N, C-alpha and C. Protein backbone atom coordinates (compact mmCIF):
# COMPACT_ATOMS: atom_id res chain seq x y z
N MET A 1 -57.26 -13.95 41.09
CA MET A 1 -55.93 -13.44 40.71
C MET A 1 -55.35 -14.41 39.83
N GLN A 2 -54.89 -14.06 38.74
CA GLN A 2 -54.24 -14.96 37.74
C GLN A 2 -52.93 -15.33 38.11
N ARG A 3 -52.78 -16.80 38.06
CA ARG A 3 -51.51 -17.34 38.45
C ARG A 3 -50.57 -17.69 37.20
N HIS A 4 -49.29 -17.30 37.26
CA HIS A 4 -48.34 -17.74 36.22
C HIS A 4 -47.23 -18.36 36.95
N ASP A 5 -46.91 -19.63 36.55
CA ASP A 5 -46.00 -20.56 37.12
C ASP A 5 -45.13 -21.17 36.02
N ARG A 6 -43.89 -20.83 36.05
CA ARG A 6 -43.03 -21.53 35.05
C ARG A 6 -42.49 -22.69 35.63
N GLY A 7 -42.46 -22.93 36.87
CA GLY A 7 -41.86 -24.19 37.20
C GLY A 7 -40.23 -24.34 37.22
N LEU A 8 -39.83 -25.48 37.54
CA LEU A 8 -38.61 -25.60 37.64
C LEU A 8 -37.91 -26.02 36.30
N PRO A 9 -36.54 -25.61 35.93
CA PRO A 9 -35.89 -26.08 34.81
C PRO A 9 -35.63 -27.54 34.99
N PRO A 10 -35.41 -27.99 33.60
CA PRO A 10 -35.06 -29.57 33.62
C PRO A 10 -34.08 -29.96 34.61
N SER A 11 -34.02 -31.07 35.08
CA SER A 11 -32.95 -31.47 35.95
C SER A 11 -31.76 -31.78 35.26
N PRO A 12 -30.61 -31.63 35.85
CA PRO A 12 -29.25 -31.59 35.45
C PRO A 12 -29.18 -33.01 34.57
N GLY A 13 -28.53 -32.97 33.41
CA GLY A 13 -28.45 -34.26 32.70
C GLY A 13 -29.50 -34.60 31.71
N SER A 14 -30.71 -34.06 31.83
CA SER A 14 -31.86 -34.37 31.00
C SER A 14 -31.65 -33.39 29.65
N SER A 15 -32.38 -33.99 28.78
CA SER A 15 -32.42 -33.53 27.37
C SER A 15 -33.61 -32.70 26.94
N PRO A 16 -33.61 -31.50 27.08
CA PRO A 16 -34.90 -30.80 26.97
C PRO A 16 -35.21 -30.95 25.54
N ARG A 17 -36.70 -31.00 25.19
CA ARG A 17 -37.02 -30.96 23.77
C ARG A 17 -36.69 -29.65 23.22
N GLN A 18 -36.50 -29.42 21.89
CA GLN A 18 -36.08 -28.25 21.33
C GLN A 18 -37.14 -27.67 20.19
N GLY A 19 -37.33 -26.27 20.25
CA GLY A 19 -38.10 -25.83 19.29
C GLY A 19 -37.47 -25.52 18.10
N ALA A 20 -37.81 -24.81 17.05
CA ALA A 20 -37.24 -24.52 15.80
C ALA A 20 -36.03 -23.77 15.88
N GLY A 21 -35.94 -23.02 17.07
CA GLY A 21 -34.66 -22.13 17.21
C GLY A 21 -33.65 -22.90 18.06
N GLY A 22 -33.89 -23.87 18.53
CA GLY A 22 -32.98 -24.80 19.37
C GLY A 22 -33.27 -24.39 21.02
N GLU A 23 -34.17 -23.86 21.16
CA GLU A 23 -34.41 -23.55 22.61
C GLU A 23 -35.43 -24.30 22.99
N PRO A 24 -35.61 -24.65 24.30
CA PRO A 24 -36.73 -25.70 24.88
C PRO A 24 -37.98 -25.23 24.43
N VAL A 25 -38.89 -26.27 24.05
CA VAL A 25 -40.19 -26.17 23.56
C VAL A 25 -40.98 -25.32 24.84
N LYS A 26 -41.59 -24.17 24.50
CA LYS A 26 -42.56 -23.41 25.47
C LYS A 26 -44.01 -23.83 25.41
N VAL A 27 -44.51 -24.40 26.68
CA VAL A 27 -45.80 -24.76 26.64
C VAL A 27 -46.38 -23.84 27.48
N LEU A 28 -47.72 -23.32 27.07
CA LEU A 28 -48.60 -22.53 27.98
C LEU A 28 -49.90 -23.34 28.40
N ALA A 29 -49.93 -23.53 29.87
CA ALA A 29 -51.12 -24.50 30.15
C ALA A 29 -52.16 -23.59 30.68
N CYS A 30 -53.09 -23.23 30.10
CA CYS A 30 -54.41 -22.51 30.60
C CYS A 30 -55.59 -23.48 31.31
N VAL A 31 -55.11 -24.07 32.20
CA VAL A 31 -55.99 -25.12 32.65
C VAL A 31 -56.29 -24.81 34.18
N ALA A 32 -57.47 -25.39 34.66
CA ALA A 32 -58.13 -25.07 36.07
C ALA A 32 -57.15 -25.67 37.04
N SER A 33 -57.16 -24.85 38.22
CA SER A 33 -56.23 -25.15 39.27
C SER A 33 -56.74 -26.22 40.14
N ASP A 34 -56.87 -27.39 39.49
CA ASP A 34 -57.42 -28.57 40.27
C ASP A 34 -56.26 -29.68 40.15
N ASP A 35 -56.63 -30.84 40.68
CA ASP A 35 -55.74 -31.96 40.77
C ASP A 35 -55.35 -32.30 39.31
N GLU A 36 -56.37 -32.33 38.50
CA GLU A 36 -56.05 -32.89 37.17
C GLU A 36 -55.31 -31.76 36.29
N GLY A 37 -55.38 -30.59 36.59
CA GLY A 37 -54.67 -29.72 35.97
C GLY A 37 -53.08 -29.67 36.50
N ALA A 38 -53.04 -29.95 37.70
CA ALA A 38 -51.73 -30.19 38.43
C ALA A 38 -50.94 -31.30 37.71
N PHE A 39 -51.69 -32.65 37.49
CA PHE A 39 -51.09 -33.67 36.91
C PHE A 39 -51.06 -33.39 35.43
N LEU A 40 -51.74 -32.83 34.77
CA LEU A 40 -51.25 -32.35 33.20
C LEU A 40 -49.80 -31.75 33.42
N VAL A 41 -49.86 -30.70 34.00
CA VAL A 41 -48.57 -29.81 34.13
C VAL A 41 -47.25 -30.78 34.65
N ARG A 42 -47.51 -31.60 35.51
CA ARG A 42 -46.43 -32.46 35.74
C ARG A 42 -46.08 -33.40 34.64
N GLU A 43 -46.96 -34.07 34.04
CA GLU A 43 -46.75 -35.00 32.81
C GLU A 43 -46.02 -34.02 31.91
N LEU A 44 -46.33 -32.91 31.47
CA LEU A 44 -45.76 -32.24 30.32
C LEU A 44 -44.25 -31.79 30.89
N ARG A 45 -44.07 -31.55 32.15
CA ARG A 45 -42.79 -31.11 32.61
C ARG A 45 -41.92 -32.36 32.41
N ARG A 46 -42.36 -33.70 32.51
CA ARG A 46 -41.69 -34.97 32.36
C ARG A 46 -41.18 -34.96 31.04
N ARG A 47 -41.68 -34.15 30.09
CA ARG A 47 -41.04 -34.31 28.70
C ARG A 47 -40.10 -33.05 28.49
N HIS A 48 -39.69 -32.62 29.64
CA HIS A 48 -38.53 -31.67 29.76
C HIS A 48 -38.81 -30.43 28.64
N VAL A 49 -40.02 -29.89 28.97
CA VAL A 49 -40.39 -28.67 28.24
C VAL A 49 -40.55 -27.53 29.35
N GLU A 50 -40.44 -26.37 28.94
CA GLU A 50 -40.65 -25.16 29.73
C GLU A 50 -42.25 -24.90 29.71
N VAL A 51 -42.80 -24.98 30.98
CA VAL A 51 -44.29 -24.92 31.06
C VAL A 51 -44.46 -23.75 31.95
N THR A 52 -45.40 -22.97 31.41
CA THR A 52 -46.18 -21.69 32.07
C THR A 52 -47.65 -21.99 32.24
N VAL A 53 -48.08 -21.80 33.65
CA VAL A 53 -49.45 -22.07 33.90
C VAL A 53 -50.12 -20.82 34.14
N MET A 54 -51.28 -20.56 33.46
CA MET A 54 -52.05 -19.32 33.59
C MET A 54 -53.52 -19.73 33.74
N TRP A 55 -53.98 -19.15 34.90
CA TRP A 55 -55.23 -19.24 35.37
C TRP A 55 -55.73 -18.27 36.45
N PRO A 56 -56.92 -17.68 36.12
CA PRO A 56 -57.83 -17.94 35.24
C PRO A 56 -57.75 -17.83 33.75
N LEU A 57 -58.71 -18.39 32.93
CA LEU A 57 -58.44 -18.16 31.55
C LEU A 57 -58.42 -16.61 31.26
N PRO A 58 -57.27 -16.14 30.37
CA PRO A 58 -57.36 -14.68 30.10
C PRO A 58 -58.33 -14.54 29.00
N GLU A 59 -58.64 -13.19 28.84
CA GLU A 59 -59.64 -12.71 27.78
C GLU A 59 -59.06 -13.21 26.39
N VAL A 60 -57.85 -12.95 26.18
CA VAL A 60 -56.91 -13.11 24.91
C VAL A 60 -55.79 -13.97 25.20
N LEU A 61 -55.62 -15.13 24.77
CA LEU A 61 -54.68 -15.99 25.06
C LEU A 61 -53.14 -15.34 24.44
N PRO A 62 -52.15 -15.45 25.19
CA PRO A 62 -50.89 -15.12 24.45
C PRO A 62 -50.52 -15.94 23.57
N CYS A 63 -49.55 -15.61 22.66
CA CYS A 63 -49.27 -16.53 21.59
C CYS A 63 -47.71 -16.71 21.44
N GLU A 64 -46.84 -16.45 22.69
CA GLU A 64 -45.45 -16.69 22.61
C GLU A 64 -45.02 -18.04 22.79
N ALA A 65 -45.94 -19.02 23.15
CA ALA A 65 -45.68 -20.50 23.36
C ALA A 65 -45.70 -21.36 22.09
N ASP A 66 -44.94 -22.21 22.06
CA ASP A 66 -44.77 -23.39 20.89
C ASP A 66 -46.27 -24.19 20.90
N VAL A 67 -46.66 -24.47 22.07
CA VAL A 67 -47.80 -25.18 22.55
C VAL A 67 -48.73 -24.73 23.36
N ILE A 68 -50.11 -24.47 23.26
CA ILE A 68 -51.00 -23.90 24.17
C ILE A 68 -51.92 -25.11 24.44
N TYR A 69 -52.22 -25.50 25.91
CA TYR A 69 -53.17 -26.40 26.13
C TYR A 69 -54.36 -25.28 27.00
N CYS A 70 -55.50 -25.44 26.38
CA CYS A 70 -56.53 -24.45 26.75
C CYS A 70 -57.90 -25.18 27.26
N GLU A 71 -58.33 -24.83 28.42
CA GLU A 71 -59.63 -25.16 28.63
C GLU A 71 -60.63 -24.83 27.68
N TYR A 72 -61.67 -25.86 27.44
CA TYR A 72 -62.80 -25.45 26.47
C TYR A 72 -63.63 -24.29 27.03
N ARG A 73 -64.03 -23.63 26.18
CA ARG A 73 -65.07 -22.56 26.75
C ARG A 73 -65.79 -22.29 25.25
N ARG A 74 -67.12 -21.89 25.57
CA ARG A 74 -68.07 -21.65 24.14
C ARG A 74 -67.48 -20.48 23.51
N ASP A 75 -66.94 -19.63 24.28
CA ASP A 75 -66.44 -18.34 23.63
C ASP A 75 -64.92 -18.57 23.34
N LEU A 76 -64.29 -19.56 23.06
CA LEU A 76 -63.05 -19.87 22.89
C LEU A 76 -62.46 -19.28 21.61
N SER A 77 -63.23 -19.14 20.55
CA SER A 77 -62.57 -18.65 19.33
C SER A 77 -62.28 -17.11 19.54
N ARG A 78 -63.13 -16.42 20.29
CA ARG A 78 -62.75 -15.07 20.32
C ARG A 78 -61.58 -14.77 21.46
N ARG A 79 -61.09 -15.87 22.02
CA ARG A 79 -60.07 -15.76 22.90
C ARG A 79 -58.66 -16.16 22.24
N VAL A 80 -58.78 -16.81 21.05
CA VAL A 80 -57.53 -17.19 20.42
C VAL A 80 -56.92 -15.94 19.74
N PRO A 81 -55.53 -15.66 19.83
CA PRO A 81 -55.16 -14.30 19.36
C PRO A 81 -54.60 -14.37 18.14
N TRP A 82 -54.82 -15.11 17.33
CA TRP A 82 -54.48 -15.30 15.90
C TRP A 82 -55.68 -15.21 14.76
N VAL A 83 -55.56 -14.79 13.57
CA VAL A 83 -56.42 -14.97 12.50
C VAL A 83 -56.71 -16.33 12.31
N PRO A 84 -58.24 -16.64 12.14
CA PRO A 84 -58.39 -18.23 11.93
C PRO A 84 -57.72 -18.56 10.32
N GLY A 85 -57.20 -19.79 10.42
CA GLY A 85 -56.40 -20.17 9.42
C GLY A 85 -54.88 -19.84 9.50
N ASP A 86 -54.42 -19.08 10.42
CA ASP A 86 -53.03 -18.60 10.66
C ASP A 86 -52.55 -18.71 11.97
N PRO A 87 -52.52 -19.81 12.54
CA PRO A 87 -52.22 -20.20 13.99
C PRO A 87 -50.74 -19.84 14.05
N LYS A 88 -50.28 -19.23 15.29
CA LYS A 88 -48.98 -19.05 15.56
C LYS A 88 -48.43 -19.96 16.61
N SER A 89 -49.33 -20.93 17.18
CA SER A 89 -48.92 -21.99 18.21
C SER A 89 -49.53 -23.26 17.91
N ALA A 90 -49.19 -24.31 18.32
CA ALA A 90 -49.83 -25.60 18.20
C ALA A 90 -50.87 -25.54 19.39
N PHE A 91 -52.10 -25.83 19.10
CA PHE A 91 -53.30 -25.60 19.98
C PHE A 91 -53.89 -26.93 20.41
N VAL A 92 -54.13 -27.04 21.70
CA VAL A 92 -54.75 -28.35 22.36
C VAL A 92 -56.08 -27.90 23.14
N VAL A 93 -57.01 -28.31 22.88
CA VAL A 93 -58.39 -27.88 23.56
C VAL A 93 -58.49 -28.96 24.62
N VAL A 94 -58.72 -28.56 25.88
CA VAL A 94 -58.89 -29.41 27.05
C VAL A 94 -60.43 -29.68 27.27
N LEU A 95 -60.83 -30.81 26.94
CA LEU A 95 -62.20 -31.16 27.03
C LEU A 95 -62.86 -31.27 28.44
N PRO A 96 -64.05 -30.85 28.96
CA PRO A 96 -64.44 -30.99 30.13
C PRO A 96 -65.06 -32.38 30.29
N ARG A 97 -65.36 -32.70 31.42
CA ARG A 97 -65.99 -34.17 31.83
C ARG A 97 -67.20 -34.28 31.34
N SER A 98 -68.00 -33.17 31.65
CA SER A 98 -69.63 -33.46 31.43
C SER A 98 -70.38 -32.13 30.43
N GLU A 99 -69.64 -31.13 30.34
CA GLU A 99 -70.20 -30.04 29.58
C GLU A 99 -70.41 -30.41 28.21
N PRO A 100 -71.66 -30.05 27.64
CA PRO A 100 -71.83 -30.45 26.05
C PRO A 100 -70.61 -29.53 25.41
N ILE A 101 -70.11 -30.20 24.30
CA ILE A 101 -69.15 -29.60 23.38
C ILE A 101 -70.07 -29.20 22.10
N GLU A 102 -69.77 -27.76 21.74
CA GLU A 102 -70.47 -27.28 20.70
C GLU A 102 -69.65 -27.61 19.48
N ASP A 103 -70.02 -28.05 18.23
CA ASP A 103 -69.18 -28.46 17.17
C ASP A 103 -68.63 -27.22 16.57
N GLU A 104 -69.43 -26.17 16.53
CA GLU A 104 -68.94 -24.95 15.94
C GLU A 104 -67.71 -24.38 16.56
N VAL A 105 -67.54 -24.43 18.03
CA VAL A 105 -66.47 -23.79 18.54
C VAL A 105 -65.28 -24.53 18.14
N ILE A 106 -65.40 -26.03 18.04
CA ILE A 106 -64.19 -26.80 17.73
C ILE A 106 -63.63 -26.51 16.25
N VAL A 107 -64.85 -26.34 15.38
CA VAL A 107 -64.63 -26.02 13.99
C VAL A 107 -63.89 -24.62 13.85
N HIS A 108 -64.24 -23.62 14.46
CA HIS A 108 -63.79 -22.26 14.61
C HIS A 108 -62.38 -22.17 15.03
N VAL A 109 -62.07 -22.92 16.21
CA VAL A 109 -60.93 -22.88 16.66
C VAL A 109 -59.88 -23.84 15.95
N SER A 110 -60.29 -24.89 15.29
CA SER A 110 -59.23 -25.81 14.63
C SER A 110 -58.02 -26.22 15.52
N PRO A 111 -58.24 -26.93 16.72
CA PRO A 111 -57.06 -27.34 17.33
C PRO A 111 -56.43 -28.46 16.62
N ASP A 112 -55.12 -28.40 17.16
CA ASP A 112 -54.18 -29.57 16.64
C ASP A 112 -54.42 -30.85 17.23
N ALA A 113 -55.12 -30.84 18.41
CA ALA A 113 -55.43 -31.99 19.10
C ALA A 113 -56.24 -31.55 20.39
N VAL A 114 -56.96 -32.69 20.82
CA VAL A 114 -57.78 -32.37 21.97
C VAL A 114 -57.30 -33.42 23.14
N LEU A 115 -57.74 -33.10 24.24
CA LEU A 115 -57.29 -33.71 25.59
C LEU A 115 -58.61 -33.83 26.37
N ALA A 116 -59.19 -35.00 26.48
CA ALA A 116 -60.45 -35.21 27.35
C ALA A 116 -60.06 -35.49 28.72
N ARG A 117 -60.87 -34.98 29.85
CA ARG A 117 -60.75 -35.43 31.06
C ARG A 117 -61.60 -36.60 31.27
N PRO A 118 -61.09 -37.70 32.13
CA PRO A 118 -60.03 -37.51 33.11
C PRO A 118 -58.71 -37.85 32.17
N PHE A 119 -57.72 -37.27 32.50
CA PHE A 119 -56.35 -37.21 31.86
C PHE A 119 -55.81 -38.64 32.34
N THR A 120 -54.91 -38.98 31.26
CA THR A 120 -53.98 -40.23 31.42
C THR A 120 -52.48 -39.72 31.14
N ALA A 121 -51.61 -40.32 31.57
CA ALA A 121 -50.21 -39.89 31.10
C ALA A 121 -50.02 -40.21 29.62
N SER A 122 -50.59 -41.25 29.23
CA SER A 122 -50.60 -41.59 27.78
C SER A 122 -51.19 -40.55 26.82
N ALA A 123 -52.44 -40.37 27.27
CA ALA A 123 -53.29 -39.32 26.48
C ALA A 123 -52.69 -38.03 26.51
N ILE A 124 -51.95 -37.54 27.56
CA ILE A 124 -51.14 -36.15 27.59
C ILE A 124 -49.89 -36.37 26.67
N GLY A 125 -49.18 -37.45 26.68
CA GLY A 125 -48.07 -37.51 25.67
C GLY A 125 -48.47 -37.54 24.34
N ALA A 126 -49.60 -38.29 24.16
CA ALA A 126 -50.06 -38.43 22.56
C ALA A 126 -50.53 -37.03 22.04
N SER A 127 -51.47 -36.25 23.18
CA SER A 127 -51.83 -34.95 22.64
C SER A 127 -50.70 -33.78 22.31
N PHE A 128 -49.62 -34.08 23.02
CA PHE A 128 -48.53 -33.04 22.89
C PHE A 128 -47.88 -33.34 21.60
N VAL A 129 -47.64 -34.76 21.39
CA VAL A 129 -46.95 -35.19 20.00
C VAL A 129 -47.66 -34.92 18.83
N LEU A 130 -48.95 -35.23 18.96
CA LEU A 130 -49.95 -34.99 17.85
C LEU A 130 -49.97 -33.49 17.56
N ALA A 131 -50.20 -32.67 18.49
CA ALA A 131 -50.32 -31.18 18.30
C ALA A 131 -49.22 -30.75 17.53
N ARG A 132 -47.99 -31.17 18.24
CA ARG A 132 -46.58 -30.50 17.49
C ARG A 132 -46.45 -30.99 15.99
N ALA A 133 -46.68 -32.29 15.91
CA ALA A 133 -46.77 -32.95 14.45
C ALA A 133 -47.64 -32.19 13.61
N GLN A 134 -48.96 -32.16 13.82
CA GLN A 134 -50.02 -31.52 13.16
C GLN A 134 -49.65 -30.08 12.71
N PHE A 135 -49.41 -29.34 13.72
CA PHE A 135 -49.00 -27.81 13.63
C PHE A 135 -47.81 -27.67 12.65
N ALA A 136 -46.72 -28.63 12.64
CA ALA A 136 -45.60 -28.55 11.72
C ALA A 136 -46.17 -29.01 10.34
N TYR A 137 -47.07 -29.82 10.29
CA TYR A 137 -47.44 -30.27 8.95
C TYR A 137 -48.33 -29.27 8.21
N ILE A 138 -49.17 -28.62 8.95
CA ILE A 138 -50.02 -27.37 8.45
C ILE A 138 -49.15 -26.48 7.90
N ASN A 139 -47.93 -26.05 8.68
CA ASN A 139 -47.21 -24.85 8.33
C ASN A 139 -46.27 -25.33 7.04
N ARG A 140 -46.01 -26.77 6.82
CA ARG A 140 -45.34 -27.12 5.71
C ARG A 140 -46.21 -26.95 4.48
N LEU A 141 -47.36 -27.22 4.59
CA LEU A 141 -48.45 -27.01 3.71
C LEU A 141 -48.75 -25.72 3.13
N ARG A 142 -48.68 -24.78 4.30
CA ARG A 142 -48.85 -23.23 4.11
C ARG A 142 -47.71 -22.83 3.23
N GLY A 143 -46.59 -23.30 3.52
CA GLY A 143 -45.33 -22.65 3.04
C GLY A 143 -45.38 -23.05 1.45
N LYS A 144 -46.00 -24.51 1.37
CA LYS A 144 -45.73 -24.94 -0.28
C LYS A 144 -46.83 -24.16 -1.00
N ALA A 145 -48.10 -23.83 -0.32
CA ALA A 145 -48.92 -22.95 -0.88
C ALA A 145 -48.53 -21.75 -1.13
N ASP A 146 -47.72 -21.08 -0.26
CA ASP A 146 -47.22 -19.70 -0.56
C ASP A 146 -46.36 -19.66 -1.75
N LYS A 147 -45.48 -20.80 -1.61
CA LYS A 147 -44.43 -20.79 -2.70
C LYS A 147 -45.10 -20.88 -4.05
N LEU A 148 -46.24 -21.68 -3.98
CA LEU A 148 -47.16 -21.94 -5.50
C LEU A 148 -47.78 -20.46 -5.86
N ASP A 149 -48.29 -19.85 -4.90
CA ASP A 149 -48.64 -18.39 -5.06
C ASP A 149 -47.67 -17.42 -5.72
N GLU A 150 -46.50 -17.57 -5.04
CA GLU A 150 -45.29 -16.67 -5.36
C GLU A 150 -44.92 -17.15 -6.89
N ASN A 151 -44.94 -18.35 -7.23
CA ASN A 151 -44.43 -18.82 -8.82
C ASN A 151 -45.53 -18.34 -9.71
N LEU A 152 -46.74 -18.45 -9.18
CA LEU A 152 -47.74 -18.10 -10.17
C LEU A 152 -47.95 -16.65 -10.42
N ARG A 153 -47.55 -15.72 -9.37
CA ARG A 153 -47.58 -14.30 -9.64
C ARG A 153 -46.22 -14.04 -10.67
N ALA A 154 -45.15 -14.64 -10.34
CA ALA A 154 -43.98 -14.49 -11.11
C ALA A 154 -44.38 -14.96 -12.63
N MET A 155 -45.04 -15.92 -12.82
CA MET A 155 -45.38 -16.45 -14.20
C MET A 155 -46.17 -15.38 -14.92
N ARG A 156 -47.37 -14.68 -14.30
CA ARG A 156 -47.99 -13.75 -14.72
C ARG A 156 -47.23 -12.42 -15.08
N ILE A 157 -46.21 -12.20 -14.32
CA ILE A 157 -45.48 -11.19 -14.52
C ILE A 157 -44.72 -11.01 -15.86
N VAL A 158 -43.90 -12.12 -15.83
CA VAL A 158 -43.31 -12.72 -17.17
C VAL A 158 -44.03 -12.65 -18.28
N GLU A 159 -45.22 -13.30 -18.31
CA GLU A 159 -46.31 -13.42 -19.37
C GLU A 159 -46.53 -11.67 -19.82
N ARG A 160 -46.78 -11.21 -18.80
CA ARG A 160 -47.23 -9.55 -19.15
C ARG A 160 -46.05 -8.88 -19.82
N ALA A 161 -44.94 -9.35 -19.35
CA ALA A 161 -43.74 -8.60 -19.75
C ALA A 161 -43.40 -8.98 -21.17
N LYS A 162 -43.44 -10.12 -21.52
CA LYS A 162 -43.48 -10.81 -22.90
C LYS A 162 -44.38 -10.29 -23.96
N SER A 163 -45.73 -10.03 -23.35
CA SER A 163 -46.62 -9.32 -24.18
C SER A 163 -46.23 -7.92 -24.54
N ILE A 164 -45.84 -7.25 -23.63
CA ILE A 164 -45.46 -5.80 -23.77
C ILE A 164 -44.31 -5.81 -24.82
N LEU A 165 -43.26 -6.62 -24.68
CA LEU A 165 -42.08 -6.54 -25.54
C LEU A 165 -42.72 -6.95 -26.95
N ALA A 166 -43.45 -8.01 -27.09
CA ALA A 166 -43.97 -8.53 -28.26
C ALA A 166 -44.72 -7.31 -29.03
N ALA A 167 -45.52 -6.55 -28.29
CA ALA A 167 -46.23 -5.46 -28.93
C ALA A 167 -45.44 -4.35 -29.30
N THR A 168 -44.34 -3.87 -28.40
CA THR A 168 -43.65 -2.68 -28.65
C THR A 168 -42.53 -2.91 -29.57
N ARG A 169 -41.83 -4.17 -29.69
CA ARG A 169 -40.59 -4.36 -30.37
C ARG A 169 -41.20 -5.25 -31.56
N HIS A 170 -42.39 -5.58 -31.71
CA HIS A 170 -42.84 -6.26 -33.01
C HIS A 170 -42.10 -7.66 -33.09
N ILE A 171 -42.04 -8.47 -31.94
CA ILE A 171 -41.47 -9.75 -32.01
C ILE A 171 -42.35 -10.76 -31.28
N ASP A 172 -41.90 -12.02 -31.37
CA ASP A 172 -42.97 -13.06 -31.04
C ASP A 172 -42.54 -13.29 -29.49
N ASN A 173 -43.37 -14.20 -28.93
CA ASN A 173 -43.22 -14.48 -27.44
C ASN A 173 -41.99 -15.01 -27.16
N ASP A 174 -41.45 -15.86 -28.17
CA ASP A 174 -40.26 -16.47 -27.71
C ASP A 174 -39.07 -15.65 -27.82
N GLU A 175 -39.03 -14.90 -28.62
CA GLU A 175 -37.93 -13.66 -28.87
C GLU A 175 -37.87 -12.63 -27.72
N ALA A 176 -39.29 -12.51 -27.11
CA ALA A 176 -39.52 -11.67 -25.90
C ALA A 176 -39.05 -12.34 -24.82
N TYR A 177 -39.17 -13.69 -24.39
CA TYR A 177 -38.44 -14.42 -23.40
C TYR A 177 -36.99 -14.40 -23.48
N ASN A 178 -36.46 -14.63 -24.51
CA ASN A 178 -35.19 -14.70 -24.73
C ASN A 178 -34.48 -13.33 -24.41
N PHE A 179 -35.02 -12.23 -24.87
CA PHE A 179 -34.64 -11.08 -24.41
C PHE A 179 -34.63 -10.76 -22.89
N ILE A 180 -35.70 -11.09 -22.39
CA ILE A 180 -35.75 -11.03 -20.89
C ILE A 180 -34.68 -11.94 -20.19
N ARG A 181 -34.70 -13.07 -20.67
CA ARG A 181 -33.41 -13.95 -19.83
C ARG A 181 -32.10 -13.46 -20.06
N ARG A 182 -31.92 -12.81 -21.42
CA ARG A 182 -30.42 -12.14 -21.48
C ARG A 182 -30.22 -11.06 -20.67
N GLN A 183 -31.21 -10.16 -20.54
CA GLN A 183 -31.08 -9.20 -19.60
C GLN A 183 -30.92 -9.59 -18.12
N ALA A 184 -31.54 -10.72 -17.81
CA ALA A 184 -31.36 -11.16 -16.40
C ALA A 184 -30.03 -11.70 -16.22
N MET A 185 -29.43 -12.30 -17.23
CA MET A 185 -28.00 -12.96 -17.02
C MET A 185 -27.01 -11.87 -17.19
N ASP A 186 -27.19 -10.79 -18.06
CA ASP A 186 -26.31 -9.86 -17.90
C ASP A 186 -26.17 -9.00 -16.67
N ARG A 187 -27.38 -8.85 -16.20
CA ARG A 187 -27.51 -8.00 -15.07
C ARG A 187 -27.29 -8.91 -13.52
N ARG A 188 -27.22 -10.29 -13.67
CA ARG A 188 -27.30 -11.22 -12.63
C ARG A 188 -28.28 -11.02 -11.72
N ILE A 189 -29.47 -11.00 -12.28
CA ILE A 189 -30.70 -10.68 -11.45
C ILE A 189 -31.71 -12.01 -11.99
N SER A 190 -32.75 -12.07 -11.52
CA SER A 190 -33.87 -13.12 -11.74
C SER A 190 -34.71 -12.64 -13.01
N VAL A 191 -35.00 -13.60 -13.84
CA VAL A 191 -35.87 -13.27 -14.85
C VAL A 191 -37.35 -12.44 -14.49
N THR A 192 -37.76 -12.75 -13.12
CA THR A 192 -38.95 -12.20 -12.76
C THR A 192 -38.54 -10.57 -12.42
N ASN A 193 -37.60 -10.42 -11.81
CA ASN A 193 -37.01 -8.95 -11.56
C ASN A 193 -37.10 -8.21 -12.79
N VAL A 194 -36.37 -8.68 -13.90
CA VAL A 194 -36.42 -8.06 -15.33
C VAL A 194 -37.64 -7.85 -15.84
N ALA A 195 -38.63 -8.76 -15.52
CA ALA A 195 -40.13 -8.80 -16.14
C ALA A 195 -40.72 -7.78 -15.41
N ALA A 196 -40.62 -7.80 -13.93
CA ALA A 196 -41.16 -6.73 -13.09
C ALA A 196 -40.81 -5.32 -13.48
N ALA A 197 -39.58 -5.13 -13.97
CA ALA A 197 -39.16 -3.89 -14.40
C ALA A 197 -39.59 -3.34 -15.74
N ILE A 198 -39.89 -4.37 -16.37
CA ILE A 198 -40.31 -4.00 -17.87
C ILE A 198 -41.79 -3.45 -17.64
N VAL A 199 -42.59 -4.21 -16.90
CA VAL A 199 -44.02 -4.04 -16.65
C VAL A 199 -44.09 -2.70 -16.10
N ALA A 200 -43.16 -2.45 -14.94
CA ALA A 200 -43.48 -1.26 -14.16
C ALA A 200 -43.10 -0.11 -15.04
N SER A 201 -42.02 -0.17 -15.90
CA SER A 201 -41.62 1.01 -16.73
C SER A 201 -42.82 1.22 -17.77
N HIS A 202 -43.32 0.15 -18.26
CA HIS A 202 -44.35 0.22 -19.39
C HIS A 202 -45.58 0.93 -18.76
N ASP A 203 -45.88 0.66 -17.49
CA ASP A 203 -47.22 1.39 -16.74
C ASP A 203 -46.83 2.55 -16.40
N LEU A 204 -45.59 2.86 -16.14
CA LEU A 204 -45.24 4.37 -15.61
C LEU A 204 -45.39 5.26 -17.13
N LEU A 205 -44.91 4.66 -18.08
CA LEU A 205 -44.66 5.46 -19.30
C LEU A 205 -45.91 5.63 -20.37
N SER A 206 -46.87 4.60 -20.08
CA SER A 206 -48.15 4.60 -20.69
C SER A 206 -48.95 5.77 -20.67
N PRO A 207 -49.36 6.32 -21.80
CA PRO A 207 -50.36 7.44 -21.54
C PRO A 207 -51.64 7.10 -20.45
N ARG A 208 -52.23 8.06 -19.77
CA ARG A 208 -53.28 7.73 -18.85
C ARG A 208 -54.49 8.06 -19.65
N ASP A 209 -55.69 7.82 -19.38
CA ASP A 209 -56.80 8.29 -19.99
C ASP A 209 -57.06 9.70 -19.62
N SER A 210 -57.46 10.48 -20.68
CA SER A 210 -57.52 12.00 -20.48
C SER A 210 -58.90 12.15 -19.35
N ASP A 211 -58.50 13.07 -18.52
CA ASP A 211 -59.48 13.36 -17.54
C ASP A 211 -60.74 14.22 -18.06
N PRO A 212 -61.94 13.68 -18.18
CA PRO A 212 -62.98 14.43 -18.95
C PRO A 212 -63.26 15.59 -18.11
N HIS A 213 -62.81 15.94 -17.07
CA HIS A 213 -63.04 17.35 -16.40
C HIS A 213 -62.08 18.03 -16.42
């Protein structure tokens, strides 16, 4: 039978750690129900976080937690609920004492931290801090990459709109851009939106190749 144990709330007067939304950090501990597993859970709760214990290990891990501690398994990559490279939670792999570790499993899962048995309080604390910091850092990098992609797409749209205006109005690229910018200022919208409208209008009104049939 699978065990779900949320534990007790932080003691009065404590200062619970908070997630991005200002709520206590939620930790999912998918660890064996042994003395070391109990020790891990106790040490995590000392950090005033909300801990849910889930064992046996589910076929697919839930991803509602901010941090997931999960026992190492050879099939761990198929149990992770997100697309590789797009994690939804900070992820810590709990390593066994003696079972050989396959490099490919760790590479595919790409954990933010690992925690080896036997546990110590300092190692548990370090894994928690490292996992959250690494997850936040990767998310910042992903946000910057998304922003760069967005800017690149916008630049391409503007360049195409300039080419369309240059060809249809017989003006140079500088004049085409100034036209787009004036339209954006007059309508109080972005240059990219004006450029996208020009491109969409051109594509809509351009004659299609005749159907040979």
